[in-house]
Amino acid sequence: MAFSAGNGGGYSRRRRGGAGALAEINIVPLVDVVLVLLVIFMLTAHVMEFGLEIEVPKVRQVKETTQELPVVSISKSGELYLNERQVNIALLAAEVRQRFPSQREVYVRADRETIYDPIAQVVSALGEAGLRVKLVTQPDDSGGRK
């Protein structure tokens, strides 16, 4: 019977011989792929946001829906958008009727820093066209504390 006194027995002979398998994992390709995905995410993250940056006022009760609804957005500078498309206030009611023939109510969302005059003009124009106006707000997370 033959016993070896060296470390690992026959393992060290195989390692030196060049026929053994390399047991290390090369993570360089993995790091390359992760960095490419990170760059792609960073470049496209701003595209995933919902259109215009309008900060609506906060209230306690808010209803959510997934139905496609007519939404008139008023920016800080007073520009009007009907579901992401800019529209003239004189053509607003006709555009709502054309794009949403079955809807009888329109949601108006305005930036909280918008002056009141454009909001009043939009509400008046939609009211004269026989459309009900609903104001869009944001839920207040403070829980009633101020």
N, C-alpha and C. Protein backbone atom coordinates (compact mmCIF):
# COMPACT_ATOMS: atom_id res chain seq x y z
N MET A 1 0.83 -1.16 0.00
CA MET A 1 0.00 0.00 0.00
C MET A 1 0.87 1.23 0.00
N ALA A 2 0.46 2.15 -0.81
CA ALA A 2 1.26 3.37 -0.90
C ALA A 2 0.43 4.53 -0.40
N PHE A 3 1.03 5.30 0.49
CA PHE A 3 0.40 6.50 1.02
C PHE A 3 1.26 7.69 0.67
N SER A 4 0.61 8.80 0.37
CA SER A 4 1.36 10.01 0.04
C SER A 4 1.39 10.91 1.25
N ALA A 5 2.53 11.50 1.54
CA ALA A 5 2.67 12.40 2.66
C ALA A 5 2.48 13.85 2.26
N GLY A 6 2.33 14.14 0.95
CA GLY A 6 2.19 15.52 0.48
C GLY A 6 0.75 16.02 0.62
N ASN A 7 0.51 17.33 0.46
CA ASN A 7 -0.82 17.93 0.55
C ASN A 7 -1.64 17.60 -0.67
N GLY A 8 -2.80 17.05 -0.47
CA GLY A 8 -3.75 16.82 -1.55
C GLY A 8 -3.51 15.56 -2.34
N GLY A 9 -2.53 14.81 -2.07
CA GLY A 9 -2.31 13.55 -2.76
C GLY A 9 -2.05 13.77 -4.23
N GLY A 10 -2.83 13.17 -5.08
CA GLY A 10 -2.65 13.24 -6.52
C GLY A 10 -3.13 14.55 -7.14
N TYR A 11 -3.81 15.37 -6.37
CA TYR A 11 -4.36 16.63 -6.90
C TYR A 11 -3.26 17.54 -7.39
N SER A 12 -2.17 17.62 -6.63
CA SER A 12 -1.11 18.54 -6.99
C SER A 12 -0.40 18.10 -8.26
N ARG A 13 -0.35 16.82 -8.50
CA ARG A 13 0.27 16.35 -9.73
C ARG A 13 -0.59 16.72 -10.95
N ARG A 14 -1.90 16.61 -10.80
CA ARG A 14 -2.78 16.97 -11.92
C ARG A 14 -2.71 18.46 -12.22
N ARG A 15 -2.65 19.26 -11.20
CA ARG A 15 -2.61 20.71 -11.36
C ARG A 15 -1.35 21.13 -12.10
N ARG A 16 -0.24 20.54 -11.77
CA ARG A 16 1.02 20.89 -12.42
C ARG A 16 1.08 20.35 -13.84
N GLY A 17 0.37 19.31 -14.07
CA GLY A 17 0.42 18.68 -15.37
C GLY A 17 -0.31 19.46 -16.46
N GLY A 18 -1.20 20.37 -16.09
CA GLY A 18 -1.91 21.19 -17.07
C GLY A 18 -3.21 20.57 -17.54
N ALA A 19 -3.55 19.39 -17.12
CA ALA A 19 -4.77 18.74 -17.58
C ALA A 19 -5.95 19.05 -16.66
N GLY A 20 -5.75 19.74 -15.53
CA GLY A 20 -6.83 20.03 -14.58
C GLY A 20 -7.73 21.15 -15.08
N ALA A 21 -8.96 21.19 -14.57
CA ALA A 21 -9.93 22.22 -14.96
C ALA A 21 -9.71 23.48 -14.15
N LEU A 22 -9.93 24.63 -14.78
CA LEU A 22 -9.82 25.92 -14.11
C LEU A 22 -11.14 26.19 -13.41
N ALA A 23 -11.13 26.35 -12.11
CA ALA A 23 -12.36 26.46 -11.33
C ALA A 23 -12.71 27.90 -10.98
N GLU A 24 -12.07 28.89 -11.57
CA GLU A 24 -12.37 30.28 -11.29
C GLU A 24 -13.41 30.80 -12.28
N ILE A 25 -14.29 31.67 -11.80
CA ILE A 25 -15.32 32.25 -12.64
C ILE A 25 -14.85 33.63 -13.07
N ASN A 26 -14.94 33.90 -14.35
CA ASN A 26 -14.56 35.20 -14.88
C ASN A 26 -15.80 36.10 -14.86
N ILE A 27 -15.80 37.15 -14.04
CA ILE A 27 -16.97 38.00 -13.91
C ILE A 27 -16.88 39.27 -14.75
N VAL A 28 -15.81 39.42 -15.52
CA VAL A 28 -15.67 40.61 -16.34
C VAL A 28 -16.81 40.75 -17.35
N PRO A 29 -17.23 39.71 -18.08
CA PRO A 29 -18.38 39.87 -18.99
C PRO A 29 -19.67 40.22 -18.27
N LEU A 30 -19.86 39.67 -17.08
CA LEU A 30 -21.05 40.00 -16.30
C LEU A 30 -21.05 41.47 -15.91
N VAL A 31 -19.92 41.99 -15.48
CA VAL A 31 -19.81 43.40 -15.11
C VAL A 31 -20.05 44.28 -16.33
N ASP A 32 -19.55 43.88 -17.49
CA ASP A 32 -19.77 44.65 -18.72
C ASP A 32 -21.25 44.73 -19.06
N VAL A 33 -21.94 43.61 -18.97
CA VAL A 33 -23.37 43.59 -19.28
C VAL A 33 -24.15 44.44 -18.28
N VAL A 34 -23.83 44.36 -17.02
CA VAL A 34 -24.53 45.14 -15.99
C VAL A 34 -24.30 46.63 -16.21
N LEU A 35 -23.10 47.03 -16.55
CA LEU A 35 -22.83 48.45 -16.79
C LEU A 35 -23.56 48.95 -18.03
N VAL A 36 -23.64 48.15 -19.07
CA VAL A 36 -24.39 48.55 -20.26
C VAL A 36 -25.87 48.70 -19.93
N LEU A 37 -26.43 47.77 -19.17
CA LEU A 37 -27.84 47.89 -18.77
C LEU A 37 -28.07 49.11 -17.89
N LEU A 38 -27.13 49.42 -17.03
CA LEU A 38 -27.26 50.60 -16.18
C LEU A 38 -27.27 51.87 -17.01
N VAL A 39 -26.39 51.97 -17.99
CA VAL A 39 -26.36 53.14 -18.85
C VAL A 39 -27.65 53.26 -19.65
N ILE A 40 -28.15 52.16 -20.19
CA ILE A 40 -29.41 52.20 -20.93
C ILE A 40 -30.56 52.64 -20.04
N PHE A 41 -30.61 52.12 -18.82
CA PHE A 41 -31.66 52.52 -17.88
C PHE A 41 -31.57 54.01 -17.55
N MET A 42 -30.36 54.49 -17.33
CA MET A 42 -30.19 55.91 -16.98
C MET A 42 -30.62 56.82 -18.14
N LEU A 43 -30.39 56.39 -19.37
CA LEU A 43 -30.76 57.21 -20.52
C LEU A 43 -32.25 57.19 -20.80
N THR A 44 -32.92 56.09 -20.50
CA THR A 44 -34.34 55.97 -20.83
C THR A 44 -35.27 56.19 -19.65
N ALA A 45 -34.75 56.40 -18.47
CA ALA A 45 -35.60 56.55 -17.28
C ALA A 45 -36.50 57.77 -17.38
N HIS A 46 -36.01 58.86 -17.94
CA HIS A 46 -36.83 60.07 -18.02
C HIS A 46 -37.97 59.93 -19.03
N VAL A 47 -37.87 59.01 -19.97
CA VAL A 47 -38.91 58.80 -20.97
C VAL A 47 -40.12 58.12 -20.35
N MET A 48 -39.91 57.34 -19.29
CA MET A 48 -41.00 56.58 -18.68
C MET A 48 -41.93 57.43 -17.83
N GLU A 49 -41.58 58.67 -17.57
CA GLU A 49 -42.44 59.53 -16.76
C GLU A 49 -43.66 59.95 -17.56
N PHE A 50 -44.72 60.32 -16.87
CA PHE A 50 -45.95 60.74 -17.52
C PHE A 50 -45.79 62.18 -18.00
N GLY A 51 -45.70 62.38 -19.29
CA GLY A 51 -45.67 63.63 -20.03
C GLY A 51 -45.23 64.89 -19.33
N LEU A 52 -46.17 65.78 -19.08
CA LEU A 52 -45.87 67.10 -18.57
C LEU A 52 -45.61 67.08 -17.08
N GLU A 53 -44.76 67.97 -16.64
CA GLU A 53 -44.50 68.09 -15.21
C GLU A 53 -45.46 69.11 -14.62
N ILE A 54 -46.52 68.61 -14.04
CA ILE A 54 -47.53 69.47 -13.41
C ILE A 54 -47.72 68.97 -12.00
N GLU A 55 -47.55 69.86 -11.05
CA GLU A 55 -47.70 69.50 -9.65
C GLU A 55 -49.06 69.95 -9.18
N VAL A 56 -49.98 68.99 -9.03
CA VAL A 56 -51.36 69.31 -8.66
C VAL A 56 -51.47 69.46 -7.14
N PRO A 57 -52.50 70.18 -6.68
CA PRO A 57 -52.69 70.33 -5.23
C PRO A 57 -52.99 68.99 -4.57
N LYS A 58 -52.73 68.90 -3.27
CA LYS A 58 -52.95 67.65 -2.53
C LYS A 58 -54.23 67.74 -1.70
N VAL A 59 -55.03 66.67 -1.73
CA VAL A 59 -56.25 66.55 -0.93
C VAL A 59 -56.29 65.16 -0.32
N ARG A 60 -57.26 64.91 0.54
CA ARG A 60 -57.32 63.63 1.25
C ARG A 60 -57.95 62.50 0.44
N GLN A 61 -58.98 62.78 -0.37
CA GLN A 61 -59.71 61.72 -1.06
C GLN A 61 -59.43 61.79 -2.57
N VAL A 62 -58.98 60.67 -3.13
CA VAL A 62 -58.67 60.60 -4.56
C VAL A 62 -59.18 59.27 -5.11
N LYS A 63 -59.82 59.30 -6.28
CA LYS A 63 -60.26 58.08 -6.96
C LYS A 63 -59.30 57.80 -8.11
N GLU A 64 -59.00 56.51 -8.32
CA GLU A 64 -58.11 56.11 -9.40
C GLU A 64 -58.88 55.33 -10.45
N THR A 65 -58.48 55.48 -11.73
CA THR A 65 -59.13 54.77 -12.81
C THR A 65 -58.10 54.46 -13.90
N THR A 66 -58.37 53.42 -14.69
CA THR A 66 -57.48 53.07 -15.79
C THR A 66 -58.11 53.38 -17.14
N GLN A 67 -59.31 53.92 -17.14
CA GLN A 67 -60.02 54.24 -18.36
C GLN A 67 -59.39 55.46 -19.04
N GLU A 68 -59.36 55.47 -20.37
CA GLU A 68 -58.85 56.62 -21.12
C GLU A 68 -59.86 57.75 -21.03
N LEU A 69 -59.47 58.84 -20.40
CA LEU A 69 -60.37 59.95 -20.14
C LEU A 69 -59.79 61.24 -20.71
N PRO A 70 -60.65 62.20 -21.05
CA PRO A 70 -60.13 63.48 -21.50
C PRO A 70 -59.56 64.27 -20.32
N VAL A 71 -58.28 64.59 -20.41
CA VAL A 71 -57.61 65.34 -19.35
C VAL A 71 -57.01 66.60 -19.96
N VAL A 72 -57.44 67.74 -19.47
CA VAL A 72 -56.88 69.02 -19.90
C VAL A 72 -55.84 69.41 -18.87
N SER A 73 -54.60 69.58 -19.32
CA SER A 73 -53.50 69.96 -18.43
C SER A 73 -53.15 71.41 -18.69
N ILE A 74 -52.95 72.15 -17.62
CA ILE A 74 -52.57 73.56 -17.72
C ILE A 74 -51.21 73.71 -17.06
N SER A 75 -50.22 74.15 -17.84
CA SER A 75 -48.87 74.30 -17.30
C SER A 75 -48.75 75.59 -16.50
N LYS A 76 -47.60 75.78 -15.87
CA LYS A 76 -47.36 76.99 -15.08
C LYS A 76 -47.50 78.25 -15.93
N SER A 77 -47.10 78.15 -17.19
CA SER A 77 -47.14 79.32 -18.07
C SER A 77 -48.51 79.52 -18.72
N GLY A 78 -49.48 78.63 -18.47
CA GLY A 78 -50.83 78.78 -19.00
C GLY A 78 -51.09 78.04 -20.29
N GLU A 79 -50.15 77.21 -20.76
CA GLU A 79 -50.36 76.44 -21.99
C GLU A 79 -51.34 75.30 -21.72
N LEU A 80 -52.20 75.01 -22.70
CA LEU A 80 -53.22 73.97 -22.56
C LEU A 80 -52.83 72.73 -23.35
N TYR A 81 -53.04 71.56 -22.75
CA TYR A 81 -52.78 70.28 -23.40
C TYR A 81 -53.98 69.38 -23.17
N LEU A 82 -54.44 68.73 -24.22
CA LEU A 82 -55.48 67.72 -24.10
C LEU A 82 -54.82 66.37 -24.30
N ASN A 83 -54.65 65.64 -23.19
CA ASN A 83 -53.96 64.34 -23.21
C ASN A 83 -52.64 64.42 -23.98
N GLU A 84 -51.75 65.28 -23.55
CA GLU A 84 -50.38 65.39 -24.08
C GLU A 84 -50.27 66.16 -25.40
N ARG A 85 -51.38 66.56 -26.02
CA ARG A 85 -51.32 67.34 -27.26
C ARG A 85 -51.75 68.76 -26.98
N GLN A 86 -50.91 69.72 -27.41
CA GLN A 86 -51.24 71.12 -27.15
C GLN A 86 -52.47 71.52 -27.97
N VAL A 87 -53.32 72.32 -27.35
CA VAL A 87 -54.58 72.71 -27.99
C VAL A 87 -54.88 74.17 -27.66
N ASN A 88 -55.57 74.84 -28.57
CA ASN A 88 -55.98 76.22 -28.39
C ASN A 88 -57.27 76.23 -27.57
N ILE A 89 -57.43 77.23 -26.70
CA ILE A 89 -58.62 77.27 -25.84
C ILE A 89 -59.90 77.45 -26.67
N ALA A 90 -59.81 78.11 -27.82
CA ALA A 90 -60.99 78.30 -28.66
C ALA A 90 -61.46 76.98 -29.28
N LEU A 91 -60.55 76.04 -29.47
CA LEU A 91 -60.88 74.75 -30.08
C LEU A 91 -60.97 73.63 -29.06
N LEU A 92 -60.87 73.95 -27.79
CA LEU A 92 -60.79 72.93 -26.74
C LEU A 92 -62.05 72.06 -26.69
N ALA A 93 -63.22 72.65 -26.63
CA ALA A 93 -64.46 71.88 -26.51
C ALA A 93 -64.68 71.02 -27.76
N ALA A 94 -64.41 71.56 -28.94
CA ALA A 94 -64.58 70.79 -30.17
C ALA A 94 -63.60 69.62 -30.22
N GLU A 95 -62.39 69.85 -29.76
CA GLU A 95 -61.38 68.79 -29.74
C GLU A 95 -61.78 67.66 -28.77
N VAL A 96 -62.33 68.04 -27.62
CA VAL A 96 -62.79 67.03 -26.66
C VAL A 96 -63.92 66.21 -27.26
N ARG A 97 -64.87 66.87 -27.89
CA ARG A 97 -66.01 66.16 -28.51
C ARG A 97 -65.54 65.24 -29.65
N GLN A 98 -64.53 65.68 -30.41
CA GLN A 98 -64.05 64.88 -31.53
C GLN A 98 -63.27 63.65 -31.05
N ARG A 99 -62.38 63.83 -30.09
CA ARG A 99 -61.53 62.73 -29.64
C ARG A 99 -62.21 61.80 -28.64
N PHE A 100 -63.18 62.33 -27.88
CA PHE A 100 -63.89 61.54 -26.87
C PHE A 100 -65.40 61.76 -27.03
N PRO A 101 -66.02 61.19 -28.05
CA PRO A 101 -67.43 61.48 -28.33
C PRO A 101 -68.39 61.01 -27.24
N SER A 102 -68.06 59.96 -26.51
CA SER A 102 -68.99 59.43 -25.51
C SER A 102 -68.80 60.05 -24.13
N GLN A 103 -67.77 60.81 -23.93
CA GLN A 103 -67.49 61.38 -22.61
C GLN A 103 -68.27 62.68 -22.40
N ARG A 104 -68.82 62.82 -21.22
CA ARG A 104 -69.56 64.04 -20.86
C ARG A 104 -68.87 64.81 -19.75
N GLU A 105 -67.72 64.31 -19.31
CA GLU A 105 -66.98 65.02 -18.27
C GLU A 105 -65.51 65.09 -18.66
N VAL A 106 -64.87 66.18 -18.25
CA VAL A 106 -63.46 66.44 -18.58
C VAL A 106 -62.72 66.70 -17.28
N TYR A 107 -61.55 66.11 -17.18
CA TYR A 107 -60.70 66.31 -16.00
C TYR A 107 -59.71 67.42 -16.29
N VAL A 108 -59.61 68.35 -15.38
CA VAL A 108 -58.69 69.48 -15.52
C VAL A 108 -57.64 69.36 -14.44
N ARG A 109 -56.38 69.33 -14.86
CA ARG A 109 -55.30 69.32 -13.89
C ARG A 109 -54.39 70.50 -14.21
N ALA A 110 -54.11 71.26 -13.19
CA ALA A 110 -53.30 72.46 -13.34
C ALA A 110 -52.21 72.45 -12.29
N ASP A 111 -51.07 73.00 -12.66
CA ASP A 111 -49.98 73.13 -11.71
C ASP A 111 -50.44 74.05 -10.59
N ARG A 112 -50.01 73.74 -9.37
CA ARG A 112 -50.50 74.54 -8.24
C ARG A 112 -49.96 75.96 -8.26
N GLU A 113 -48.96 76.24 -9.07
CA GLU A 113 -48.42 77.60 -9.18
C GLU A 113 -49.01 78.36 -10.37
N THR A 114 -49.95 77.75 -11.08
CA THR A 114 -50.59 78.42 -12.21
C THR A 114 -51.51 79.51 -11.70
N ILE A 115 -51.49 80.65 -12.39
CA ILE A 115 -52.41 81.72 -12.00
C ILE A 115 -53.84 81.27 -12.31
N TYR A 116 -54.80 81.87 -11.66
CA TYR A 116 -56.17 81.37 -11.72
C TYR A 116 -56.86 81.67 -13.05
N ASP A 117 -56.47 82.71 -13.76
CA ASP A 117 -57.16 83.12 -14.98
C ASP A 117 -57.23 82.02 -16.03
N PRO A 118 -56.13 81.34 -16.41
CA PRO A 118 -56.27 80.26 -17.41
C PRO A 118 -57.17 79.12 -16.94
N ILE A 119 -57.13 78.83 -15.65
CA ILE A 119 -57.99 77.76 -15.12
C ILE A 119 -59.46 78.16 -15.26
N ALA A 120 -59.78 79.39 -14.91
CA ALA A 120 -61.15 79.88 -15.01
C ALA A 120 -61.62 79.88 -16.46
N GLN A 121 -60.75 80.26 -17.40
CA GLN A 121 -61.11 80.28 -18.82
C GLN A 121 -61.42 78.87 -19.32
N VAL A 122 -60.62 77.90 -18.91
CA VAL A 122 -60.84 76.50 -19.33
C VAL A 122 -62.15 75.97 -18.75
N VAL A 123 -62.37 76.20 -17.47
CA VAL A 123 -63.61 75.73 -16.83
C VAL A 123 -64.83 76.37 -17.50
N SER A 124 -64.73 77.65 -17.82
CA SER A 124 -65.84 78.35 -18.47
C SER A 124 -66.09 77.81 -19.87
N ALA A 125 -65.03 77.59 -20.65
CA ALA A 125 -65.18 77.09 -22.03
C ALA A 125 -65.78 75.68 -22.03
N LEU A 126 -65.34 74.84 -21.12
CA LEU A 126 -65.88 73.48 -21.06
C LEU A 126 -67.31 73.47 -20.54
N GLY A 127 -67.62 74.36 -19.58
CA GLY A 127 -68.98 74.47 -19.06
C GLY A 127 -69.96 74.93 -20.12
N GLU A 128 -69.55 75.90 -20.95
CA GLU A 128 -70.42 76.39 -22.03
C GLU A 128 -70.69 75.30 -23.06
N ALA A 129 -69.76 74.36 -23.22
CA ALA A 129 -69.94 73.26 -24.18
C ALA A 129 -70.78 72.13 -23.61
N GLY A 130 -71.23 72.27 -22.36
CA GLY A 130 -72.07 71.25 -21.75
C GLY A 130 -71.30 70.08 -21.16
N LEU A 131 -70.04 70.27 -20.91
CA LEU A 131 -69.21 69.21 -20.32
C LEU A 131 -69.03 69.49 -18.83
N ARG A 132 -69.10 68.43 -18.03
CA ARG A 132 -68.85 68.57 -16.59
C ARG A 132 -67.34 68.62 -16.36
N VAL A 133 -66.92 69.50 -15.50
CA VAL A 133 -65.49 69.69 -15.22
C VAL A 133 -65.18 69.09 -13.86
N LYS A 134 -64.14 68.25 -13.82
CA LYS A 134 -63.67 67.67 -12.56
C LYS A 134 -62.21 68.04 -12.41
N LEU A 135 -61.84 68.51 -11.24
CA LEU A 135 -60.46 68.92 -10.99
C LEU A 135 -59.63 67.75 -10.47
N VAL A 136 -58.44 67.61 -11.00
CA VAL A 136 -57.53 66.54 -10.60
C VAL A 136 -56.68 67.03 -9.46
N THR A 137 -56.59 66.23 -8.40
CA THR A 137 -55.75 66.55 -7.25
C THR A 137 -54.86 65.37 -6.93
N GLN A 138 -54.00 65.55 -5.95
CA GLN A 138 -53.07 64.51 -5.54
C GLN A 138 -53.35 64.18 -4.09
N PRO A 139 -53.23 62.90 -3.69
CA PRO A 139 -53.51 62.55 -2.30
C PRO A 139 -52.51 63.19 -1.34
N ASP A 140 -53.02 63.65 -0.22
CA ASP A 140 -52.19 64.28 0.81
C ASP A 140 -51.70 63.20 1.77
N ASP A 141 -50.40 63.01 1.85
CA ASP A 141 -49.82 61.96 2.67
C ASP A 141 -49.58 62.36 4.12
N SER A 142 -49.89 63.60 4.46
CA SER A 142 -49.61 64.06 5.83
C SER A 142 -50.60 63.54 6.84
N GLY A 143 -51.73 62.98 6.40
CA GLY A 143 -52.70 62.40 7.33
C GLY A 143 -53.49 63.44 8.09
N GLY A 144 -53.64 64.63 7.53
CA GLY A 144 -54.42 65.66 8.19
C GLY A 144 -53.60 66.54 9.11
N ARG A 145 -52.34 66.23 9.31
CA ARG A 145 -51.48 67.04 10.18
C ARG A 145 -50.81 68.13 9.35
N LYS A 146 -50.72 69.29 9.93
CA LYS A 146 -50.03 70.38 9.24
C LYS A 146 -49.12 71.07 10.19
